[in-house]
Amino acid sequence: MATSQSTIDYILDQARGAGRLAARKMFGEYALYCDDKVVGLVCDDVLYLKITEPGQKFVGEHYQEGYAYEGAKASMLINGDLLENNDWLKTLIKLTAANLPLPKPKKK
């Protein structure tokens, strides 16, 4: 089951203000970008954010791991209830992006 455009629109709207947000379609699913860094994936209408130590601490008792697809690295699973709190989601995405390295420049 592919992710719907309405889910992507909702996540981008909820996280507005976290930074420069974008979602790029990849194989029927989406990569979520914040300030040019891939911070997570949206697969089957579920948000999976990259795991960072500050992100884990921020999520606290709500921390849950999941896998965006078979063979993927573990990610933080962000469920529907947590998506509804836009200030919380915005802060988590900001924290995640701030603690990830910049993408490596592509070789020509």
C-alpha atoms as a PDB file:
ATOM      1  CA  MET A   1       0.000   0.000   0.000  1.00  0.00           C
ATOM      2  CA  ALA A   2       1.543   3.304  -1.081  1.00  0.00           C
ATOM      3  CA  THR A   3       1.448   6.483   0.956  1.00  0.00           C
ATOM      4  CA  SER A   4      -1.298   8.911  -0.013  1.00  0.00           C
ATOM      5  CA  GLN A   5      -0.595  12.509  -0.980  1.00  0.00           C
ATOM      6  CA  SER A   6      -2.994  13.632   1.764  1.00  0.00           C
ATOM      7  CA  THR A   7      -0.760  11.993   4.410  1.00  0.00           C
ATOM      8  CA  ILE A   8       2.300  13.829   3.077  1.00  0.00           C
ATOM      9  CA  ASP A   9       0.399  17.109   2.973  1.00  0.00           C
ATOM     10  CA  TYR A  10      -0.759  16.575   6.573  1.00  0.00           C
ATOM     11  CA  ILE A  11       2.750  15.785   7.876  1.00  0.00           C
ATOM     12  CA  LEU A  12       4.264  18.782   6.067  1.00  0.00           C
ATOM     13  CA  ASP A  13       1.523  21.027   7.440  1.00  0.00           C
ATOM     14  CA  GLN A  14       1.895  19.720  10.999  1.00  0.00           C
ATOM     15  CA  ALA A  15       5.682  20.223  10.949  1.00  0.00           C
ATOM     16  CA  ARG A  16       5.586  23.673   9.342  1.00  0.00           C
ATOM     17  CA  GLY A  17       8.216  25.866  10.948  1.00  0.00           C
ATOM     18  CA  ALA A  18      10.733  23.075  11.594  1.00  0.00           C
ATOM     19  CA  GLY A  19      12.889  24.301   8.722  1.00  0.00           C
ATOM     20  CA  ARG A  20      12.796  23.949   4.945  1.00  0.00           C
ATOM     21  CA  LEU A  21      10.559  20.903   4.615  1.00  0.00           C
ATOM     22  CA  ALA A  22      10.021  18.814   1.517  1.00  0.00           C
ATOM     23  CA  ALA A  23       8.905  15.340   0.596  1.00  0.00           C
ATOM     24  CA  ARG A  24      10.172  13.499  -2.463  1.00  0.00           C
ATOM     25  CA  LYS A  25       8.377  10.537  -3.933  1.00  0.00           C
ATOM     26  CA  MET A  26      10.495   7.406  -4.197  1.00  0.00           C
ATOM     27  CA  PHE A  27       9.088   4.058  -5.342  1.00  0.00           C
ATOM     28  CA  GLY A  28       5.562   4.940  -4.241  1.00  0.00           C
ATOM     29  CA  GLU A  29       6.727   6.130  -0.826  1.00  0.00           C
ATOM     30  CA  TYR A  30       8.363   9.357   0.333  1.00  0.00           C
ATOM     31  CA  ALA A  31      11.603  10.663   1.803  1.00  0.00           C
ATOM     32  CA  LEU A  32      11.101  13.561   4.232  1.00  0.00           C
ATOM     33  CA  TYR A  33      13.686  16.346   4.060  1.00  0.00           C
ATOM     34  CA  CYS A  34      14.404  19.146   6.510  1.00  0.00           C
ATOM     35  CA  ASP A  35      17.013  21.726   5.539  1.00  0.00           C
ATOM     36  CA  ASP A  36      18.288  19.470   2.715  1.00  0.00           C
ATOM     37  CA  LYS A  37      18.814  16.498   5.062  1.00  0.00           C
ATOM     38  CA  VAL A  38      16.802  13.293   4.864  1.00  0.00           C
ATOM     39  CA  VAL A  39      15.248  13.094   8.321  1.00  0.00           C
ATOM     40  CA  GLY A  40      12.869  10.227   7.689  1.00  0.00           C
ATOM     41  CA  LEU A  41      10.607   8.206   5.452  1.00  0.00           C
ATOM     42  CA  VAL A  42       6.866   7.992   5.087  1.00  0.00           C
ATOM     43  CA  CYS A  43       5.843   4.472   4.098  1.00  0.00           C
ATOM     44  CA  ASP A  44       2.313   3.065   4.089  1.00  0.00           C
ATOM     45  CA  ASP A  45       1.072   6.355   5.586  1.00  0.00           C
ATOM     46  CA  VAL A  46       3.382   5.992   8.625  1.00  0.00           C
ATOM     47  CA  LEU A  47       6.195   8.399   9.588  1.00  0.00           C
ATOM     48  CA  TYR A  48       9.597   6.896  10.405  1.00  0.00           C
ATOM     49  CA  LEU A  49      12.245   9.381  11.599  1.00  0.00           C
ATOM     50  CA  LYS A  50      15.968   8.711  11.783  1.00  0.00           C
ATOM     51  CA  ILE A  51      17.147   7.859  15.273  1.00  0.00           C
ATOM     52  CA  THR A  52      19.322  10.450  17.021  1.00  0.00           C
ATOM     53  CA  GLU A  53      20.220  10.562  20.699  1.00  0.00           C
ATOM     54  CA  PRO A  54      18.571  13.967  21.286  1.00  0.00           C
ATOM     55  CA  GLY A  55      15.499  12.762  19.405  1.00  0.00           C
ATOM     56  CA  GLN A  56      15.259   9.644  21.577  1.00  0.00           C
ATOM     57  CA  LYS A  57      15.504  11.743  24.730  1.00  0.00           C
ATOM     58  CA  PHE A  58      12.881  14.178  23.475  1.00  0.00           C
ATOM     59  CA  VAL A  59      10.428  11.403  22.572  1.00  0.00           C
ATOM     60  CA  GLY A  60      10.960   9.766  25.982  1.00  0.00           C
ATOM     61  CA  GLU A  61       8.238   7.298  26.954  1.00  0.00           C
ATOM     62  CA  HIS A  62       6.716   7.530  23.469  1.00  0.00           C
ATOM     63  CA  TYR A  63       9.873   6.077  21.882  1.00  0.00           C
ATOM     64  CA  GLN A  64       9.067   3.197  19.595  1.00  0.00           C
ATOM     65  CA  GLU A  65      11.149   1.654  16.820  1.00  0.00           C
ATOM     66  CA  GLY A  66       9.874   0.440  13.505  1.00  0.00           C
ATOM     67  CA  TYR A  67      11.102  -0.444  10.033  1.00  0.00           C
ATOM     68  CA  ALA A  68       9.947   1.543   7.011  1.00  0.00           C
ATOM     69  CA  TYR A  69      10.428  -1.460   4.729  1.00  0.00           C
ATOM     70  CA  GLU A  70      12.010  -4.905   4.785  1.00  0.00           C
ATOM     71  CA  GLY A  71      15.764  -4.564   5.192  1.00  0.00           C
ATOM     72  CA  ALA A  72      15.628  -0.945   6.397  1.00  0.00           C
ATOM     73  CA  LYS A  73      17.485   0.337   9.431  1.00  0.00           C
ATOM     74  CA  ALA A  74      15.439   0.859  12.569  1.00  0.00           C
ATOM     75  CA  SER A  75      13.734   4.240  12.791  1.00  0.00           C
ATOM     76  CA  MET A  76      11.606   6.091  15.315  1.00  0.00           C
ATOM     77  CA  LEU A  77       7.996   5.211  14.637  1.00  0.00           C
ATOM     78  CA  ILE A  78       5.766   8.268  14.974  1.00  0.00           C
ATOM     79  CA  ASN A  79       2.105   7.254  15.222  1.00  0.00           C
ATOM     80  CA  GLY A  80      -1.087   9.180  14.524  1.00  0.00           C
ATOM     81  CA  ASP A  81      -1.581  10.560  18.034  1.00  0.00           C
ATOM     82  CA  LEU A  82       1.897  12.074  18.074  1.00  0.00           C
ATOM     83  CA  LEU A  83       1.431  13.544  14.585  1.00  0.00           C
ATOM     84  CA  GLU A  84      -1.490  15.571  15.837  1.00  0.00           C
ATOM     85  CA  ASN A  85       0.715  17.644  18.180  1.00  0.00           C
ATOM     86  CA  ASN A  86       2.279  20.034  15.683  1.00  0.00           C
ATOM     87  CA  ASP A  87       4.594  21.803  18.184  1.00  0.00           C
ATOM     88  CA  TRP A  88       5.925  18.440  19.390  1.00  0.00           C
ATOM     89  CA  LEU A  89       6.429  17.143  15.833  1.00  0.00           C
ATOM     90  CA  LYS A  90       8.082  20.385  14.685  1.00  0.00           C
ATOM     91  CA  THR A  91      10.527  20.244  17.607  1.00  0.00           C
ATOM     92  CA  LEU A  92      11.361  16.576  16.987  1.00  0.00           C
ATOM     93  CA  ILE A  93      12.026  17.132  13.285  1.00  0.00           C
ATOM     94  CA  LYS A  94      14.189  20.197  14.089  1.00  0.00           C
ATOM     95  CA  LEU A  95      16.186  18.165  16.641  1.00  0.00           C
ATOM     96  CA  THR A  96      16.615  15.296  14.205  1.00  0.00           C
ATOM     97  CA  ALA A  97      17.830  17.537  11.380  1.00  0.00           C
ATOM     98  CA  ALA A  98      20.211  19.424  13.674  1.00  0.00           C
ATOM     99  CA  ASN A  99      21.858  16.158  14.714  1.00  0.00           C
ATOM    100  CA  LEU A 100      22.366  14.669  11.266  1.00  0.00           C
ATOM    101  CA  PRO A 101      25.361  15.394   9.027  1.00  0.00           C
ATOM    102  CA  LEU A 102      24.966  17.347   5.812  1.00  0.00           C
ATOM    103  CA  PRO A 103      24.631  15.122   2.757  1.00  0.00           C
ATOM    104  CA  LYS A 104      27.884  14.356   0.976  1.00  0.00           C
ATOM    105  CA  PRO A 105      28.361  16.300  -2.247  1.00  0.00           C
ATOM    106  CA  LYS A 106      27.665  14.217  -5.344  1.00  0.00           C
ATOM    107  CA  LYS A 107      30.684  13.326  -7.461  1.00  0.00           C
ATOM    108  CA  LYS A 108      30.640  14.650 -10.999  1.00  0.00           C
END
